């Protein structure tokens, strides 16, 4: 049986160990935050931002540099529960679709129908391609405010299909 004094010493020892662990963990978090900030990211940024970086910026860099930036982003991001939307509206200028956005035109011509009523195409004069995403299960009206908007300029057909497959609820 231990004395009250030895138990008190043991509790102080445990408190000191807990304090040291907390301090070292805090230091590790500070180091990670500092490293992320040095690379232009913030610790805990949603991983979907890394996906967007990969689709929008990295294709314009050489493969080695793009890989380095993707790794840096992934080290700083934190998975969040992905948002799932009920429907989407593809907004684009009809003339620009055929003249500037060949991959998007290919998607519209050959893949849009696989998403049924979940994705509607709407031509808007002067509009660069965007995907307006809606959480509500009812079909959005023209005046409806989207819950999120994603720019599709420069996206490849496969990227659009993958994004929609991940972001839209399954048809019921």
C-alpha atoms as a PDB file:
ATOM      1  CA  UNK A   1       0.000   0.000   0.000  1.00  0.00           C
ATOM      2  CA  UNK A   2       1.353   3.436  -0.956  1.00  0.00           C
ATOM      3  CA  UNK A   3       1.519   6.403   1.330  1.00  0.00           C
ATOM      4  CA  UNK A   4      -0.415   9.587   0.683  1.00  0.00           C
ATOM      5  CA  UNK A   5       2.844  11.409   0.010  1.00  0.00           C
ATOM      6  CA  UNK A   6       3.963   8.932  -2.647  1.00  0.00           C
ATOM      7  CA  UNK A   7       0.529   9.129  -4.279  1.00  0.00           C
ATOM      8  CA  UNK A   8       0.781  12.919  -4.347  1.00  0.00           C
ATOM      9  CA  UNK A   9       4.234  12.677  -5.955  1.00  0.00           C
ATOM     10  CA  UNK A  10       2.878  10.206  -8.480  1.00  0.00           C
ATOM     11  CA  UNK A  11      -0.016  12.573  -9.375  1.00  0.00           C
ATOM     12  CA  UNK A  12       2.440  15.458  -9.774  1.00  0.00           C
ATOM     13  CA  UNK A  13       4.554  13.245 -12.010  1.00  0.00           C
ATOM     14  CA  UNK A  14       1.521  12.344 -14.158  1.00  0.00           C
ATOM     15  CA  UNK A  15       0.521  16.005 -14.371  1.00  0.00           C
ATOM     16  CA  UNK A  16       4.043  16.921 -15.462  1.00  0.00           C
ATOM     17  CA  UNK A  17       4.036  14.173 -18.131  1.00  0.00           C
ATOM     18  CA  UNK A  18       0.629  15.349 -19.392  1.00  0.00           C
ATOM     19  CA  UNK A  19       1.884  18.938 -19.494  1.00  0.00           C
ATOM     20  CA  UNK A  20       5.002  17.917 -21.433  1.00  0.00           C
ATOM     21  CA  UNK A  21       2.933  15.860 -23.894  1.00  0.00           C
ATOM     22  CA  UNK A  22       0.525  18.740 -24.424  1.00  0.00           C
ATOM     23  CA  UNK A  23       3.405  21.157 -24.925  1.00  0.00           C
ATOM     24  CA  UNK A  24       5.148  18.884 -27.439  1.00  0.00           C
ATOM     25  CA  UNK A  25       1.883  18.287 -29.288  1.00  0.00           C
ATOM     26  CA  UNK A  26       1.224  22.032 -29.322  1.00  0.00           C
ATOM     27  CA  UNK A  27       4.730  22.581 -30.689  1.00  0.00           C
ATOM     28  CA  UNK A  28       4.098  20.000 -33.421  1.00  0.00           C
ATOM     29  CA  UNK A  29       0.877  21.796 -34.373  1.00  0.00           C
ATOM     30  CA  UNK A  30       2.713  25.139 -34.399  1.00  0.00           C
ATOM     31  CA  UNK A  31       5.444  23.638 -36.613  1.00  0.00           C
ATOM     32  CA  UNK A  32       2.847  22.205 -39.004  1.00  0.00           C
ATOM     33  CA  UNK A  33       0.995  25.543 -39.113  1.00  0.00           C
ATOM     34  CA  UNK A  34       4.228  27.390 -39.801  1.00  0.00           C
ATOM     35  CA  UNK A  35       5.203  24.951 -42.567  1.00  0.00           C
ATOM     36  CA  UNK A  36       1.774  25.237 -44.191  1.00  0.00           C
ATOM     37  CA  UNK A  37       1.818  29.030 -44.022  1.00  0.00           C
ATOM     38  CA  UNK A  38       5.318  29.121 -45.543  1.00  0.00           C
ATOM     39  CA  UNK A  39       3.918  27.140 -48.487  1.00  0.00           C
ATOM     40  CA  UNK A  40       0.916  29.442 -48.900  1.00  0.00           C
ATOM     41  CA  UNK A  41      -1.662  27.181 -47.248  1.00  0.00           C
ATOM     42  CA  UNK A  42      -3.342  27.111 -43.870  1.00  0.00           C
ATOM     43  CA  UNK A  43      -3.391  24.079 -41.645  1.00  0.00           C
ATOM     44  CA  UNK A  44      -6.770  22.349 -41.749  1.00  0.00           C
ATOM     45  CA  UNK A  45      -7.867  23.719 -45.102  1.00  0.00           C
ATOM     46  CA  UNK A  46     -10.537  21.500 -46.680  1.00  0.00           C
ATOM     47  CA  UNK A  47      -9.007  18.845 -48.951  1.00  0.00           C
ATOM     48  CA  UNK A  48     -11.481  19.821 -51.685  1.00  0.00           C
ATOM     49  CA  UNK A  49      -9.296  22.919 -52.123  1.00  0.00           C
ATOM     50  CA  UNK A  50      -6.396  20.638 -53.071  1.00  0.00           C
ATOM     51  CA  UNK A  51      -8.641  18.967 -55.648  1.00  0.00           C
ATOM     52  CA  UNK A  52      -9.497  22.376 -57.093  1.00  0.00           C
ATOM     53  CA  UNK A  53      -5.815  23.350 -57.079  1.00  0.00           C
ATOM     54  CA  UNK A  54      -5.028  20.148 -58.958  1.00  0.00           C
ATOM     55  CA  UNK A  55      -7.671  20.852 -61.590  1.00  0.00           C
ATOM     56  CA  UNK A  56      -7.181  24.562 -62.082  1.00  0.00           C
ATOM     57  CA  UNK A  57      -3.539  25.465 -61.407  1.00  0.00           C
ATOM     58  CA  UNK A  58      -1.344  22.400 -61.506  1.00  0.00           C
ATOM     59  CA  UNK A  59      -2.006  21.461 -65.163  1.00  0.00           C
ATOM     60  CA  UNK A  60      -0.137  24.662 -66.087  1.00  0.00           C
ATOM     61  CA  UNK A  61       3.028  23.574 -64.231  1.00  0.00           C
ATOM     62  CA  UNK A  62       5.627  20.964 -65.092  1.00  0.00           C
ATOM     63  CA  UNK A  63       4.973  17.533 -63.604  1.00  0.00           C
ATOM     64  CA  UNK A  64       7.640  17.716 -60.875  1.00  0.00           C
ATOM     65  CA  UNK A  65       6.558  21.151 -59.623  1.00  0.00           C
ATOM     66  CA  UNK A  66       2.881  20.190 -59.766  1.00  0.00           C
ATOM     67  CA  UNK A  67       3.606  17.073 -57.689  1.00  0.00           C
ATOM     68  CA  UNK A  68       5.449  19.130 -55.071  1.00  0.00           C
ATOM     69  CA  UNK A  69       2.575  21.604 -54.730  1.00  0.00           C
ATOM     70  CA  UNK A  70       0.005  18.823 -54.536  1.00  0.00           C
ATOM     71  CA  UNK A  71       2.015  17.112 -51.772  1.00  0.00           C
ATOM     72  CA  UNK A  72       2.331  20.385 -49.821  1.00  0.00           C
ATOM     73  CA  UNK A  73      -1.399  20.982 -50.092  1.00  0.00           C
ATOM     74  CA  UNK A  74      -2.247  17.438 -48.996  1.00  0.00           C
ATOM     75  CA  UNK A  75       0.031  17.796 -45.947  1.00  0.00           C
ATOM     76  CA  UNK A  76      -1.975  20.820 -44.810  1.00  0.00           C
ATOM     77  CA  UNK A  77      -5.512  19.758 -45.641  1.00  0.00           C
ATOM     78  CA  UNK A  78      -8.006  18.029 -43.443  1.00  0.00           C
ATOM     79  CA  UNK A  79     -10.734  15.789 -44.774  1.00  0.00           C
ATOM     80  CA  UNK A  80     -14.160  17.097 -44.127  1.00  0.00           C
ATOM     81  CA  UNK A  81     -17.434  15.464 -44.774  1.00  0.00           C
ATOM     82  CA  UNK A  82     -17.911  16.140 -48.488  1.00  0.00           C
ATOM     83  CA  UNK A  83     -20.885  18.252 -49.391  1.00  0.00           C
ATOM     84  CA  UNK A  84     -23.409  16.443 -51.495  1.00  0.00           C
ATOM     85  CA  UNK A  85     -25.839  18.378 -53.637  1.00  0.00           C
ATOM     86  CA  UNK A  86     -29.244  17.451 -54.998  1.00  0.00           C
ATOM     87  CA  UNK A  87     -28.841  19.205 -58.339  1.00  0.00           C
ATOM     88  CA  UNK A  88     -26.634  21.412 -60.446  1.00  0.00           C
ATOM     89  CA  UNK A  89     -27.031  23.885 -63.244  1.00  0.00           C
ATOM     90  CA  UNK A  90     -24.316  24.203 -65.880  1.00  0.00           C
ATOM     91  CA  UNK A  91     -24.130  27.854 -66.951  1.00  0.00           C
ATOM     92  CA  UNK A  92     -22.196  28.811 -70.070  1.00  0.00           C
ATOM     93  CA  UNK A  93     -22.299  31.074 -73.109  1.00  0.00           C
ATOM     94  CA  UNK A  94     -23.481  28.963 -76.063  1.00  0.00           C
ATOM     95  CA  UNK A  95     -20.998  30.446 -78.539  1.00  0.00           C
ATOM     96  CA  UNK A  96     -18.054  30.199 -76.145  1.00  0.00           C
ATOM     97  CA  UNK A  97     -18.945  26.591 -75.397  1.00  0.00           C
ATOM     98  CA  UNK A  98     -18.220  25.554 -78.996  1.00  0.00           C
ATOM     99  CA  UNK A  99     -15.349  27.962 -79.668  1.00  0.00           C
ATOM    100  CA  UNK A 100     -13.374  27.965 -76.413  1.00  0.00           C
ATOM    101  CA  UNK A 101     -14.366  25.082 -74.174  1.00  0.00           C
ATOM    102  CA  UNK A 102     -13.987  21.960 -76.296  1.00  0.00           C
ATOM    103  CA  UNK A 103     -13.767  19.532 -73.361  1.00  0.00           C
ATOM    104  CA  UNK A 104     -16.904  21.023 -71.829  1.00  0.00           C
ATOM    105  CA  UNK A 105     -18.688  20.823 -75.191  1.00  0.00           C
ATOM    106  CA  UNK A 106     -17.682  17.153 -75.381  1.00  0.00           C
ATOM    107  CA  UNK A 107     -19.141  16.642 -71.899  1.00  0.00           C
ATOM    108  CA  UNK A 108     -22.404  18.381 -72.864  1.00  0.00           C
ATOM    109  CA  UNK A 109     -22.740  16.420 -76.103  1.00  0.00           C
ATOM    110  CA  UNK A 110     -21.845  12.973 -74.808  1.00  0.00           C
ATOM    111  CA  UNK A 111     -22.078  12.785 -71.013  1.00  0.00           C
ATOM    112  CA  UNK A 112     -24.548  15.322 -69.635  1.00  0.00           C
ATOM    113  CA  UNK A 113     -27.531  13.023 -70.128  1.00  0.00           C
ATOM    114  CA  UNK A 114     -26.089  10.392 -67.764  1.00  0.00           C
ATOM    115  CA  UNK A 115     -26.864  12.800 -64.892  1.00  0.00           C
ATOM    116  CA  UNK A 116     -30.545  13.026 -65.844  1.00  0.00           C
ATOM    117  CA  UNK A 117     -32.537  15.751 -64.127  1.00  0.00           C
ATOM    118  CA  UNK A 118     -29.786  16.354 -61.585  1.00  0.00           C
ATOM    119  CA  UNK A 119     -27.801  18.553 -64.008  1.00  0.00           C
ATOM    120  CA  UNK A 120     -29.480  21.113 -66.252  1.00  0.00           C
ATOM    121  CA  UNK A 121     -27.771  23.124 -68.979  1.00  0.00           C
ATOM    122  CA  UNK A 122     -28.534  26.827 -69.210  1.00  0.00           C
ATOM    123  CA  UNK A 123     -27.032  29.145 -71.800  1.00  0.00           C
ATOM    124  CA  UNK A 124     -26.233  32.625 -70.509  1.00  0.00           C
ATOM    125  CA  UNK A 125     -24.733  35.243 -72.821  1.00  0.00           C
ATOM    126  CA  UNK A 126     -21.199  36.213 -71.819  1.00  0.00           C
ATOM    127  CA  UNK A 127     -20.984  33.621 -69.016  1.00  0.00           C
ATOM    128  CA  UNK A 128     -17.784  31.687 -68.516  1.00  0.00           C
ATOM    129  CA  UNK A 129     -18.566  28.070 -67.636  1.00  0.00           C
ATOM    130  CA  UNK A 130     -19.755  27.570 -64.087  1.00  0.00           C
ATOM    131  CA  UNK A 131     -21.497  24.846 -62.201  1.00  0.00           C
ATOM    132  CA  UNK A 132     -24.096  26.174 -59.753  1.00  0.00           C
ATOM    133  CA  UNK A 133     -24.786  23.570 -57.073  1.00  0.00           C
ATOM    134  CA  UNK A 134     -28.019  23.315 -55.060  1.00  0.00           C
ATOM    135  CA  UNK A 135     -28.677  21.389 -51.858  1.00  0.00           C
ATOM    136  CA  UNK A 136     -32.480  21.612 -52.065  1.00  0.00           C
ATOM    137  CA  UNK A 137     -34.210  18.642 -53.620  1.00  0.00           C
ATOM    138  CA  UNK A 138     -36.614  20.805 -55.628  1.00  0.00           C
ATOM    139  CA  UNK A 139     -35.517  22.035 -59.025  1.00  0.00           C
ATOM    140  CA  UNK A 140     -33.909  25.474 -58.698  1.00  0.00           C
ATOM    141  CA  UNK A 141     -35.656  28.430 -60.278  1.00  0.00           C
ATOM    142  CA  UNK A 142     -33.790  31.002 -62.376  1.00  0.00           C
ATOM    143  CA  UNK A 143     -33.737  33.333 -59.376  1.00  0.00           C
ATOM    144  CA  UNK A 144     -32.495  30.657 -56.936  1.00  0.00           C
ATOM    145  CA  UNK A 145     -29.220  31.376 -55.186  1.00  0.00           C
ATOM    146  CA  UNK A 146     -26.848  28.418 -55.489  1.00  0.00           C
ATOM    147  CA  UNK A 147     -25.291  26.873 -52.376  1.00  0.00           C
ATOM    148  CA  UNK A 148     -21.929  26.698 -54.123  1.00  0.00           C
ATOM    149  CA  UNK A 149     -20.472  27.716 -57.485  1.00  0.00           C
ATOM    150  CA  UNK A 150     -17.507  26.084 -59.221  1.00  0.00           C
ATOM    151  CA  UNK A 151     -15.730  27.568 -62.226  1.00  0.00           C
ATOM    152  CA  UNK A 152     -15.229  24.955 -64.957  1.00  0.00           C
ATOM    153  CA  UNK A 153     -12.868  26.887 -67.218  1.00  0.00           C
ATOM    154  CA  UNK A 154     -10.007  24.575 -68.198  1.00  0.00           C
ATOM    155  CA  UNK A 155     -11.523  21.405 -66.728  1.00  0.00           C
ATOM    156  CA  UNK A 156     -11.259  18.182 -68.688  1.00  0.00           C
ATOM    157  CA  UNK A 157     -14.322  16.097 -69.461  1.00  0.00           C
ATOM    158  CA  UNK A 158     -13.200  13.331 -67.068  1.00  0.00           C
ATOM    159  CA  UNK A 159     -12.699  15.839 -64.252  1.00  0.00           C
ATOM    160  CA  UNK A 160     -16.226  17.185 -64.693  1.00  0.00           C
ATOM    161  CA  UNK A 161     -17.705  13.682 -64.656  1.00  0.00           C
ATOM    162  CA  UNK A 162     -15.723  12.718 -61.539  1.00  0.00           C
ATOM    163  CA  UNK A 163     -16.655  15.922 -59.743  1.00  0.00           C
ATOM    164  CA  UNK A 164     -20.354  15.457 -60.481  1.00  0.00           C
ATOM    165  CA  UNK A 165     -20.253  11.798 -59.449  1.00  0.00           C
ATOM    166  CA  UNK A 166     -18.736  12.801 -56.104  1.00  0.00           C
ATOM    167  CA  UNK A 167     -20.815  15.929 -55.538  1.00  0.00           C
ATOM    168  CA  UNK A 168     -24.323  14.879 -56.539  1.00  0.00           C
ATOM    169  CA  UNK A 169     -26.706  12.633 -54.644  1.00  0.00           C
ATOM    170  CA  UNK A 170     -27.618   9.428 -56.414  1.00  0.00           C
ATOM    171  CA  UNK A 171     -30.838   9.458 -58.358  1.00  0.00           C
ATOM    172  CA  UNK A 172     -33.702   8.093 -56.350  1.00  0.00           C
END
